[in-house]
């Protein structure tokens, strides 16, 4: 994120609508929908009410809404209420999370059991010492 341009929503700004972009840092207030292809940071003091889709989401402020992310980190002062769907979820001590959570690798559809090989019997020659 350091080498590329980042969209910053200042702490004095209040926005309502749809936000799409690559990397975004929110210091102010936002209400609506957010779709970020890169990293979204909700900074300490920020208040967001939105459905959020992001590759990586870091929350230090407040978020109310549904989250779909590859990785979600809730820092010590984070407050989140809503639905979480994240492959990786990190909740630091002191963070508050309320809502339903789906995290980890998804199990793909059950694979059918491999077919058992059919045993083929061959007749063995009779032993000569059979009566002993």
Foldseek 3Di string as FASTA:
>chain_A
DVVDDEAEADQVDAEEDEAEEAHYEYNHEYEEEYEYAHEYEDDDNYEYEYAYEYQEYEYQHEYEEHYAYQEYEYDQNYEYEYEEHYQHYHYYHNHHYYYHYDYHDDDPDDDDDDDDDDDDDDDDDDDPPVPD
